[in-house]
Amino acid sequence: MRITMGILMSIGGLAMGVFSFFKTKSADNKLSSPEDPEKTSTWAEAIHIEDPFEKEKMLSHAETNAENVIEMHFIYNQFIHLYYRQRNKWAHAPRLCKEYCGRDIEIFPEFIEKYIEENLNGDRDPEKLPLMPSFKRLIIIHETNGDIQKAINTCKLAISHQLRDGSEEGFEGKLQRLEDQLQSAEPESVN
């Protein structure tokens, strides 16, 4: 019984992930909130949903209804958080976590310009920029998968954007640690 329920839950999670992956954005396909058919879903509402299947469903609705790049950034980060937490439970979660990190990093230049304009009155002080968890999470994913060079490249990209990661070591410290790790993994060259 437990095995069957686990398989059903995995299949259900996979179906939800596939749904969110293949849907299209159009003015004609706005979906209503599960709680109130007259209301559309937002990423902020999804934060408070505990059930991962419901959260995924609500985020899919919010992604369909997103009106600007700032909303997309926050939706992508909610997906990243959800899929990372479900990585050992849903077969599709690791792939989608990585994919949403990539999507968020891809929209970063447009997001940050809009964010600075709307929230910081043009102030580009790196200390005032929001944290970008997609960079940090993707570095962790690459490192965990043994893709140290990809982790290094992502770290360098974060540094080039003058991002902070909220840790004491920062992206610069992570980069140094990853480069040391890569160097120690390389076999000694024979002369």
C-alpha atoms as a PDB file:
ATOM      1  CA  MET A   1       0.000   0.000   0.000  1.00  0.00           C
ATOM      2  CA  ARG A   2       2.779   2.455   0.881  1.00  0.00           C
ATOM      3  CA  ILE A   3       4.660   1.684  -2.317  1.00  0.00           C
ATOM      4  CA  THR A   4       1.518   2.212  -4.385  1.00  0.00           C
ATOM      5  CA  MET A   5       0.744   5.516  -2.642  1.00  0.00           C
ATOM      6  CA  GLY A   6       4.343   6.653  -3.142  1.00  0.00           C
ATOM      7  CA  ILE A   7       4.198   5.789  -6.826  1.00  0.00           C
ATOM      8  CA  LEU A   8       0.859   7.582  -7.196  1.00  0.00           C
ATOM      9  CA  MET A   9       2.232  10.640  -5.427  1.00  0.00           C
ATOM     10  CA  SER A  10       5.303  10.639  -7.680  1.00  0.00           C
ATOM     11  CA  ILE A  11       3.143  10.297 -10.786  1.00  0.00           C
ATOM     12  CA  GLY A  12       0.848  13.075  -9.535  1.00  0.00           C
ATOM     13  CA  GLY A  13       3.852  15.312  -8.873  1.00  0.00           C
ATOM     14  CA  LEU A  14       5.272  14.516 -12.299  1.00  0.00           C
ATOM     15  CA  ALA A  15       1.960  15.355 -13.957  1.00  0.00           C
ATOM     16  CA  MET A  16       1.792  18.692 -12.119  1.00  0.00           C
ATOM     17  CA  GLY A  17       5.370  19.494 -13.105  1.00  0.00           C
ATOM     18  CA  VAL A  18       4.735  18.585 -16.727  1.00  0.00           C
ATOM     19  CA  PHE A  19       1.617  20.774 -16.682  1.00  0.00           C
ATOM     20  CA  SER A  20       3.561  23.771 -15.402  1.00  0.00           C
ATOM     21  CA  PHE A  21       6.376  23.128 -17.876  1.00  0.00           C
ATOM     22  CA  PHE A  22       4.242  22.952 -21.044  1.00  0.00           C
ATOM     23  CA  LYS A  23       1.588  25.557 -20.405  1.00  0.00           C
ATOM     24  CA  THR A  24       1.521  28.707 -22.515  1.00  0.00           C
ATOM     25  CA  LYS A  25       0.966  32.310 -21.538  1.00  0.00           C
ATOM     26  CA  SER A  26      -1.881  34.086 -23.214  1.00  0.00           C
ATOM     27  CA  ALA A  27      -4.632  36.499 -22.285  1.00  0.00           C
ATOM     28  CA  ASP A  28      -7.158  33.753 -23.061  1.00  0.00           C
ATOM     29  CA  ASN A  29      -5.853  31.165 -20.603  1.00  0.00           C
ATOM     30  CA  LYS A  30      -5.887  33.014 -17.283  1.00  0.00           C
ATOM     31  CA  LEU A  31      -6.778  30.522 -14.585  1.00  0.00           C
ATOM     32  CA  SER A  32      -8.726  31.266 -11.469  1.00  0.00           C
ATOM     33  CA  SER A  33      -7.561  30.648  -7.948  1.00  0.00           C
ATOM     34  CA  PRO A  34      -8.559  27.236  -6.567  1.00  0.00           C
ATOM     35  CA  GLU A  35     -10.185  28.967  -3.555  1.00  0.00           C
ATOM     36  CA  ASP A  36     -12.179  31.586  -5.479  1.00  0.00           C
ATOM     37  CA  PRO A  37     -13.006  31.137  -9.187  1.00  0.00           C
ATOM     38  CA  GLU A  38     -13.401  34.912  -9.623  1.00  0.00           C
ATOM     39  CA  LYS A  39      -9.874  35.631  -8.377  1.00  0.00           C
ATOM     40  CA  THR A  40      -6.545  34.966 -10.096  1.00  0.00           C
ATOM     41  CA  SER A  41      -3.585  33.466  -8.211  1.00  0.00           C
ATOM     42  CA  THR A  42      -0.492  35.387  -7.210  1.00  0.00           C
ATOM     43  CA  TRP A  43       2.938  34.275  -6.053  1.00  0.00           C
ATOM     44  CA  ALA A  44       2.354  36.019  -2.710  1.00  0.00           C
ATOM     45  CA  GLU A  45      -0.666  33.815  -2.030  1.00  0.00           C
ATOM     46  CA  ALA A  46       1.330  30.714  -2.925  1.00  0.00           C
ATOM     47  CA  ILE A  47       3.854  31.460  -0.165  1.00  0.00           C
ATOM     48  CA  HIS A  48       1.285  30.497   2.447  1.00  0.00           C
ATOM     49  CA  ILE A  49       0.262  27.186   0.866  1.00  0.00           C
ATOM     50  CA  GLU A  50       1.745  24.258   2.799  1.00  0.00           C
ATOM     51  CA  ASP A  51       0.637  21.380   0.553  1.00  0.00           C
ATOM     52  CA  PRO A  52       3.308  21.060  -2.180  1.00  0.00           C
ATOM     53  CA  PHE A  53       0.826  19.893  -4.830  1.00  0.00           C
ATOM     54  CA  GLU A  54      -1.463  22.841  -4.150  1.00  0.00           C
ATOM     55  CA  LYS A  55       1.520  25.208  -4.064  1.00  0.00           C
ATOM     56  CA  GLU A  56       2.711  23.933  -7.444  1.00  0.00           C
ATOM     57  CA  LYS A  57      -0.796  24.344  -8.853  1.00  0.00           C
ATOM     58  CA  MET A  58      -1.144  27.878  -7.490  1.00  0.00           C
ATOM     59  CA  LEU A  59       2.308  28.874  -8.776  1.00  0.00           C
ATOM     60  CA  SER A  60       1.370  27.538 -12.206  1.00  0.00           C
ATOM     61  CA  HIS A  61      -1.713  29.773 -12.114  1.00  0.00           C
ATOM     62  CA  ALA A  62       0.392  32.729 -10.988  1.00  0.00           C
ATOM     63  CA  GLU A  63       2.963  32.128 -13.723  1.00  0.00           C
ATOM     64  CA  THR A  64       0.186  32.161 -16.314  1.00  0.00           C
ATOM     65  CA  ASN A  65      -1.148  35.418 -14.885  1.00  0.00           C
ATOM     66  CA  ALA A  66       2.178  37.219 -14.337  1.00  0.00           C
ATOM     67  CA  GLU A  67       2.133  40.694 -15.766  1.00  0.00           C
ATOM     68  CA  ASN A  68       5.774  41.721 -15.494  1.00  0.00           C
ATOM     69  CA  VAL A  69       9.315  40.530 -14.967  1.00  0.00           C
ATOM     70  CA  ILE A  70       9.293  41.319 -11.242  1.00  0.00           C
ATOM     71  CA  GLU A  71       6.346  38.982 -10.698  1.00  0.00           C
ATOM     72  CA  MET A  72       8.066  36.305 -12.816  1.00  0.00           C
ATOM     73  CA  HIS A  73      11.199  36.573 -10.659  1.00  0.00           C
ATOM     74  CA  PHE A  74       9.255  35.969  -7.466  1.00  0.00           C
ATOM     75  CA  ILE A  75       7.238  33.142  -9.035  1.00  0.00           C
ATOM     76  CA  TYR A  76      10.423  31.470 -10.285  1.00  0.00           C
ATOM     77  CA  ASN A  77      11.943  31.731  -6.820  1.00  0.00           C
ATOM     78  CA  GLN A  78       8.885  30.113  -5.255  1.00  0.00           C
ATOM     79  CA  PHE A  79       9.147  27.274  -7.792  1.00  0.00           C
ATOM     80  CA  ILE A  80      12.863  26.919  -6.998  1.00  0.00           C
ATOM     81  CA  HIS A  81      12.149  26.707  -3.287  1.00  0.00           C
ATOM     82  CA  LEU A  82       9.303  24.217  -3.816  1.00  0.00           C
ATOM     83  CA  TYR A  83      11.234  21.913  -6.134  1.00  0.00           C
ATOM     84  CA  TYR A  84      14.362  22.007  -4.010  1.00  0.00           C
ATOM     85  CA  ARG A  85      12.337  20.952  -0.961  1.00  0.00           C
ATOM     86  CA  GLN A  86      10.702  18.146  -2.982  1.00  0.00           C
ATOM     87  CA  ARG A  87      13.918  16.982  -4.682  1.00  0.00           C
ATOM     88  CA  ASN A  88      13.962  13.645  -2.820  1.00  0.00           C
ATOM     89  CA  LYS A  89      10.209  13.050  -3.165  1.00  0.00           C
ATOM     90  CA  TRP A  90       9.295  14.009  -6.733  1.00  0.00           C
ATOM     91  CA  ALA A  91      11.298  12.535  -9.603  1.00  0.00           C
ATOM     92  CA  HIS A  92      10.842  15.689 -11.696  1.00  0.00           C
ATOM     93  CA  ALA A  93      11.753  18.151  -8.913  1.00  0.00           C
ATOM     94  CA  PRO A  94      15.572  18.266  -9.339  1.00  0.00           C
ATOM     95  CA  ARG A  95      15.289  18.919 -13.076  1.00  0.00           C
ATOM     96  CA  LEU A  96      12.646  21.610 -12.638  1.00  0.00           C
ATOM     97  CA  CYS A  97      14.516  23.248  -9.767  1.00  0.00           C
ATOM     98  CA  LYS A  98      17.558  23.594 -12.017  1.00  0.00           C
ATOM     99  CA  GLU A  99      15.378  24.771 -14.906  1.00  0.00           C
ATOM    100  CA  TYR A 100      13.681  27.502 -12.864  1.00  0.00           C
ATOM    101  CA  CYS A 101      17.071  28.663 -11.573  1.00  0.00           C
ATOM    102  CA  GLY A 102      18.117  29.045 -15.206  1.00  0.00           C
ATOM    103  CA  ARG A 103      14.916  30.889 -16.098  1.00  0.00           C
ATOM    104  CA  ASP A 104      15.404  33.331 -13.225  1.00  0.00           C
ATOM    105  CA  ILE A 105      19.053  33.915 -14.103  1.00  0.00           C
ATOM    106  CA  GLU A 106      18.024  34.488 -17.723  1.00  0.00           C
ATOM    107  CA  ILE A 107      15.575  37.262 -16.789  1.00  0.00           C
ATOM    108  CA  PHE A 108      17.943  38.748 -14.187  1.00  0.00           C
ATOM    109  CA  PRO A 109      19.209  41.707 -16.288  1.00  0.00           C
ATOM    110  CA  GLU A 110      15.670  42.835 -17.107  1.00  0.00           C
ATOM    111  CA  PHE A 111      14.432  42.116 -13.568  1.00  0.00           C
ATOM    112  CA  ILE A 112      17.198  44.077 -11.839  1.00  0.00           C
ATOM    113  CA  GLU A 113      16.738  47.131 -14.078  1.00  0.00           C
ATOM    114  CA  LYS A 114      13.002  47.188 -13.378  1.00  0.00           C
ATOM    115  CA  TYR A 115      13.555  46.526  -9.662  1.00  0.00           C
ATOM    116  CA  ILE A 116      16.071  49.382  -9.348  1.00  0.00           C
ATOM    117  CA  GLU A 117      13.753  51.717 -11.224  1.00  0.00           C
ATOM    118  CA  GLU A 118      10.616  50.842  -9.225  1.00  0.00           C
ATOM    119  CA  ASN A 119      12.046  50.179  -5.757  1.00  0.00           C
ATOM    120  CA  LEU A 120      15.386  51.944  -5.393  1.00  0.00           C
ATOM    121  CA  ASN A 121      14.815  55.162  -7.346  1.00  0.00           C
ATOM    122  CA  GLY A 122      17.745  54.324  -9.606  1.00  0.00           C
ATOM    123  CA  ASP A 123      20.193  53.579  -6.762  1.00  0.00           C
ATOM    124  CA  ARG A 124      22.558  50.829  -7.950  1.00  0.00           C
ATOM    125  CA  ASP A 125      24.347  50.282  -4.632  1.00  0.00           C
ATOM    126  CA  PRO A 126      25.048  46.505  -4.570  1.00  0.00           C
ATOM    127  CA  GLU A 127      24.222  46.435  -0.842  1.00  0.00           C
ATOM    128  CA  LYS A 128      20.664  47.515  -1.634  1.00  0.00           C
ATOM    129  CA  LEU A 129      20.062  44.953  -4.374  1.00  0.00           C
ATOM    130  CA  PRO A 130      17.884  41.987  -3.438  1.00  0.00           C
ATOM    131  CA  LEU A 131      19.421  38.576  -2.904  1.00  0.00           C
ATOM    132  CA  MET A 132      19.127  36.302  -5.923  1.00  0.00           C
ATOM    133  CA  PRO A 133      18.616  32.782  -4.561  1.00  0.00           C
ATOM    134  CA  SER A 134      18.578  31.283  -8.053  1.00  0.00           C
ATOM    135  CA  PHE A 135      22.333  31.858  -8.432  1.00  0.00           C
ATOM    136  CA  LYS A 136      23.134  30.409  -5.020  1.00  0.00           C
ATOM    137  CA  ARG A 137      20.842  27.389  -5.485  1.00  0.00           C
ATOM    138  CA  LEU A 138      22.203  26.623  -8.968  1.00  0.00           C
ATOM    139  CA  ILE A 139      25.763  26.730  -7.624  1.00  0.00           C
ATOM    140  CA  ILE A 140      24.769  24.233  -4.915  1.00  0.00           C
ATOM    141  CA  ILE A 141      23.050  21.979  -7.465  1.00  0.00           C
ATOM    142  CA  HIS A 142      26.069  21.996  -9.800  1.00  0.00           C
ATOM    143  CA  GLU A 143      28.474  21.344  -6.933  1.00  0.00           C
ATOM    144  CA  THR A 144      26.326  18.505  -5.573  1.00  0.00           C
ATOM    145  CA  ASN A 145      26.192  16.949  -9.057  1.00  0.00           C
ATOM    146  CA  GLY A 146      29.980  17.184  -9.340  1.00  0.00           C
ATOM    147  CA  ASP A 147      29.801  19.849 -12.066  1.00  0.00           C
ATOM    148  CA  ILE A 148      32.384  22.073 -10.381  1.00  0.00           C
ATOM    149  CA  GLN A 149      33.199  24.039 -13.539  1.00  0.00           C
ATOM    150  CA  LYS A 150      29.506  24.901 -14.021  1.00  0.00           C
ATOM    151  CA  ALA A 151      29.322  25.969 -10.368  1.00  0.00           C
ATOM    152  CA  ILE A 152      32.399  28.163 -10.920  1.00  0.00           C
ATOM    153  CA  ASN A 153      30.866  29.721 -14.041  1.00  0.00           C
ATOM    154  CA  THR A 154      27.629  30.496 -12.195  1.00  0.00           C
ATOM    155  CA  CYS A 155      29.623  31.988  -9.321  1.00  0.00           C
ATOM    156  CA  LYS A 156      31.574  34.212 -11.718  1.00  0.00           C
ATOM    157  CA  LEU A 157      28.322  35.352 -13.327  1.00  0.00           C
ATOM    158  CA  ALA A 158      26.898  36.303  -9.913  1.00  0.00           C
ATOM    159  CA  ILE A 159      30.093  38.209  -9.074  1.00  0.00           C
ATOM    160  CA  SER A 160      29.991  40.031 -12.419  1.00  0.00           C
ATOM    161  CA  HIS A 161      26.515  41.282 -11.471  1.00  0.00           C
ATOM    162  CA  GLN A 162      27.846  42.390  -8.046  1.00  0.00           C
ATOM    163  CA  LEU A 163      25.418  40.088  -6.250  1.00  0.00           C
ATOM    164  CA  ARG A 164      25.476  39.035  -2.621  1.00  0.00           C
ATOM    165  CA  ASP A 165      24.330  35.624  -1.439  1.00  0.00           C
ATOM    166  CA  GLY A 166      23.623  36.445   2.187  1.00  0.00           C
ATOM    167  CA  SER A 167      26.483  34.339   3.539  1.00  0.00           C
ATOM    168  CA  GLU A 168      29.660  35.473   5.240  1.00  0.00           C
ATOM    169  CA  GLU A 169      31.891  34.086   2.486  1.00  0.00           C
ATOM    170  CA  GLY A 170      29.805  35.549  -0.337  1.00  0.00           C
ATOM    171  CA  PHE A 171      30.120  34.512  -3.954  1.00  0.00           C
ATOM    172  CA  GLU A 172      33.812  35.444  -3.913  1.00  0.00           C
ATOM    173  CA  GLY A 173      34.477  32.985  -1.082  1.00  0.00           C
ATOM    174  CA  LYS A 174      32.435  30.301  -2.811  1.00  0.00           C
ATOM    175  CA  LEU A 175      34.392  30.880  -6.010  1.00  0.00           C
ATOM    176  CA  GLN A 176      37.724  30.482  -4.230  1.00  0.00           C
ATOM    177  CA  ARG A 177      36.536  27.307  -2.485  1.00  0.00           C
ATOM    178  CA  LEU A 178      35.226  25.841  -5.774  1.00  0.00           C
ATOM    179  CA  GLU A 179      38.430  26.692  -7.646  1.00  0.00           C
ATOM    180  CA  ASP A 180      40.464  25.039  -4.872  1.00  0.00           C
ATOM    181  CA  GLN A 181      38.189  22.010  -5.073  1.00  0.00           C
ATOM    182  CA  LEU A 182      38.597  21.796  -8.852  1.00  0.00           C
ATOM    183  CA  GLN A 183      42.363  22.172  -8.608  1.00  0.00           C
ATOM    184  CA  SER A 184      42.675  19.462  -5.943  1.00  0.00           C
ATOM    185  CA  ALA A 185      40.532  17.113  -8.071  1.00  0.00           C
ATOM    186  CA  GLU A 186      42.792  17.468 -11.104  1.00  0.00           C
ATOM    187  CA  PRO A 187      45.487  14.814 -11.350  1.00  0.00           C
ATOM    188  CA  GLU A 188      49.057  15.951 -10.919  1.00  0.00           C
ATOM    189  CA  SER A 189      50.580  16.682 -14.312  1.00  0.00           C
ATOM    190  CA  VAL A 190      53.625  14.617 -15.116  1.00  0.00           C
ATOM    191  CA  ASN A 191      56.581  16.376 -16.746  1.00  0.00           C
END
